[in-house]
C-alpha atoms as a PDB file:
ATOM      1  CA  MET A   1      55.349  35.888  60.338  1.00  0.00           C
ATOM      2  CA  SER A   2      54.424  32.338  59.364  1.00  0.00           C
ATOM      3  CA  LEU A   3      51.517  32.411  61.814  1.00  0.00           C
ATOM      4  CA  VAL A   4      49.898  35.299  59.955  1.00  0.00           C
ATOM      5  CA  HIS A   5      50.628  33.624  56.623  1.00  0.00           C
ATOM      6  CA  ASN A   6      49.067  30.361  57.794  1.00  0.00           C
ATOM      7  CA  GLU A   7      45.927  32.050  59.086  1.00  0.00           C
ATOM      8  CA  ARG A   8      45.468  34.009  55.857  1.00  0.00           C
ATOM      9  CA  THR A   9      45.988  30.851  53.841  1.00  0.00           C
ATOM     10  CA  LYS A  10      43.424  28.972  55.935  1.00  0.00           C
ATOM     11  CA  LEU A  11      40.943  31.837  55.597  1.00  0.00           C
ATOM     12  CA  THR A  12      41.329  31.867  51.817  1.00  0.00           C
ATOM     13  CA  ALA A  13      40.955  28.085  51.655  1.00  0.00           C
ATOM     14  CA  THR A  14      37.789  28.333  53.762  1.00  0.00           C
ATOM     15  CA  LEU A  15      36.389  30.959  51.403  1.00  0.00           C
ATOM     16  CA  LEU A  16      37.076  28.746  48.377  1.00  0.00           C
ATOM     17  CA  ASN A  17      35.545  25.731  50.083  1.00  0.00           C
ATOM     18  CA  ASN A  18      32.396  27.706  50.948  1.00  0.00           C
ATOM     19  CA  VAL A  19      32.069  28.758  47.301  1.00  0.00           C
ATOM     20  CA  ALA A  20      32.451  25.097  46.302  1.00  0.00           C
ATOM     21  CA  VAL A  21      29.698  24.052  48.716  1.00  0.00           C
ATOM     22  CA  ALA A  22      27.408  26.805  47.405  1.00  0.00           C
ATOM     23  CA  MET A  23      28.019  25.639  43.840  1.00  0.00           C
ATOM     24  CA  PHE A  24      27.248  22.047  44.790  1.00  0.00           C
ATOM     25  CA  ILE A  25      23.988  23.011  46.492  1.00  0.00           C
ATOM     26  CA  THR A  26      22.901  25.479  43.813  1.00  0.00           C
ATOM     27  CA  GLY A  27      23.664  23.333  40.811  1.00  0.00           C
ATOM     28  CA  GLY A  28      23.531  19.851  42.242  1.00  0.00           C
ATOM     29  CA  ILE A  29      20.803  19.649  44.813  1.00  0.00           C
ATOM     30  CA  GLY A  30      18.602  22.518  43.576  1.00  0.00           C
ATOM     31  CA  PRO A  31      17.710  21.087  40.145  1.00  0.00           C
ATOM     32  CA  THR A  32      17.261  17.617  41.605  1.00  0.00           C
ATOM     33  CA  VAL A  33      14.751  18.879  44.153  1.00  0.00           C
ATOM     34  CA  SER A  34      12.926  21.026  41.579  1.00  0.00           C
ATOM     35  CA  LEU A  35      12.598  18.096  39.175  1.00  0.00           C
ATOM     36  CA  SER A  36      11.359  15.807  41.941  1.00  0.00           C
ATOM     37  CA  TYR A  37       8.515  18.285  42.617  1.00  0.00           C
ATOM     38  CA  GLY A  38       7.714  18.608  38.921  1.00  0.00           C
ATOM     39  CA  LEU A  39       8.821  22.236  38.685  1.00  0.00           C
ATOM     40  CA  PRO A  40      10.206  23.535  35.387  1.00  0.00           C
ATOM     41  CA  GLY A  41      13.846  22.726  34.911  1.00  0.00           C
ATOM     42  CA  PRO A  42      16.631  24.450  33.022  1.00  0.00           C
ATOM     43  CA  THR A  43      16.092  25.227  29.352  1.00  0.00           C
ATOM     44  CA  GLY A  44      18.261  26.225  26.434  1.00  0.00           C
ATOM     45  CA  GLY A  45      19.027  22.805  24.988  1.00  0.00           C
ATOM     46  CA  TRP A  46      20.820  21.507  28.063  1.00  0.00           C
ATOM     47  CA  SER A  47      19.493  18.613  30.066  1.00  0.00           C
ATOM     48  CA  ALA A  48      19.141  18.879  33.827  1.00  0.00           C
ATOM     49  CA  LEU A  49      21.742  16.135  34.224  1.00  0.00           C
ATOM     50  CA  GLY A  50      24.240  18.017  32.052  1.00  0.00           C
ATOM     51  CA  ILE A  51      23.864  21.268  33.950  1.00  0.00           C
ATOM     52  CA  THR A  52      24.010  19.485  37.299  1.00  0.00           C
ATOM     53  CA  THR A  53      27.188  17.694  36.246  1.00  0.00           C
ATOM     54  CA  ILE A  54      28.847  20.969  35.219  1.00  0.00           C
ATOM     55  CA  TRP A  55      27.990  22.625  38.555  1.00  0.00           C
ATOM     56  CA  ILE A  56      29.199  19.642  40.592  1.00  0.00           C
ATOM     57  CA  LEU A  57      32.459  19.411  38.628  1.00  0.00           C
ATOM     58  CA  GLY A  58      32.989  23.154  39.047  1.00  0.00           C
ATOM     59  CA  GLY A  59      32.428  22.900  42.793  1.00  0.00           C
ATOM     60  CA  SER A  60      34.767  19.936  42.998  1.00  0.00           C
ATOM     61  CA  ALA A  61      37.470  21.839  41.116  1.00  0.00           C
ATOM     62  CA  ILE A  62      37.220  24.819  43.478  1.00  0.00           C
ATOM     63  CA  HIS A  63      37.315  22.490  46.491  1.00  0.00           C
ATOM     64  CA  TYR A  64      40.459  20.880  45.093  1.00  0.00           C
ATOM     65  CA  MET A  65      42.019  24.333  44.648  1.00  0.00           C
ATOM     66  CA  ALA A  66      41.365  25.008  48.334  1.00  0.00           C
ATOM     67  CA  ARG A  67      43.082  21.744  49.254  1.00  0.00           C
ATOM     68  CA  LEU A  68      46.085  22.670  47.119  1.00  0.00           C
ATOM     69  CA  LEU A  69      46.222  26.074  48.765  1.00  0.00           C
ATOM     70  CA  LEU A  70      46.531  24.430  52.196  1.00  0.00           C
ATOM     71  CA  LYS A  71      49.713  22.683  51.063  1.00  0.00           C
ATOM     72  CA  GLY A  72      51.381  26.100  51.231  1.00  0.00           C
ATOM     73  CA  LEU A  73      51.134  26.267  55.037  1.00  0.00           C
ATOM     74  CA  LYS A  74      54.441  26.969  56.742  1.00  0.00           C
ATOM     75  CA  PRO A  75      55.590  24.930  59.738  1.00  0.00           C
END
């Protein structure tokens, strides 16, 4: 039974890590590339650096949750 549990845990951790990577690319790399090409950036009173920081911190938090989830693997 622990084999099934471990595989499900690893699958869930992989899902969370993929969401974290998507957040990093969407909010971290995307605005940086758009600003480097002179395209319009985010509006609404927030700076591009502030929004990028929020997205990167969110992705980092989800990645950390995935790492914590892997601590629940059974021997």
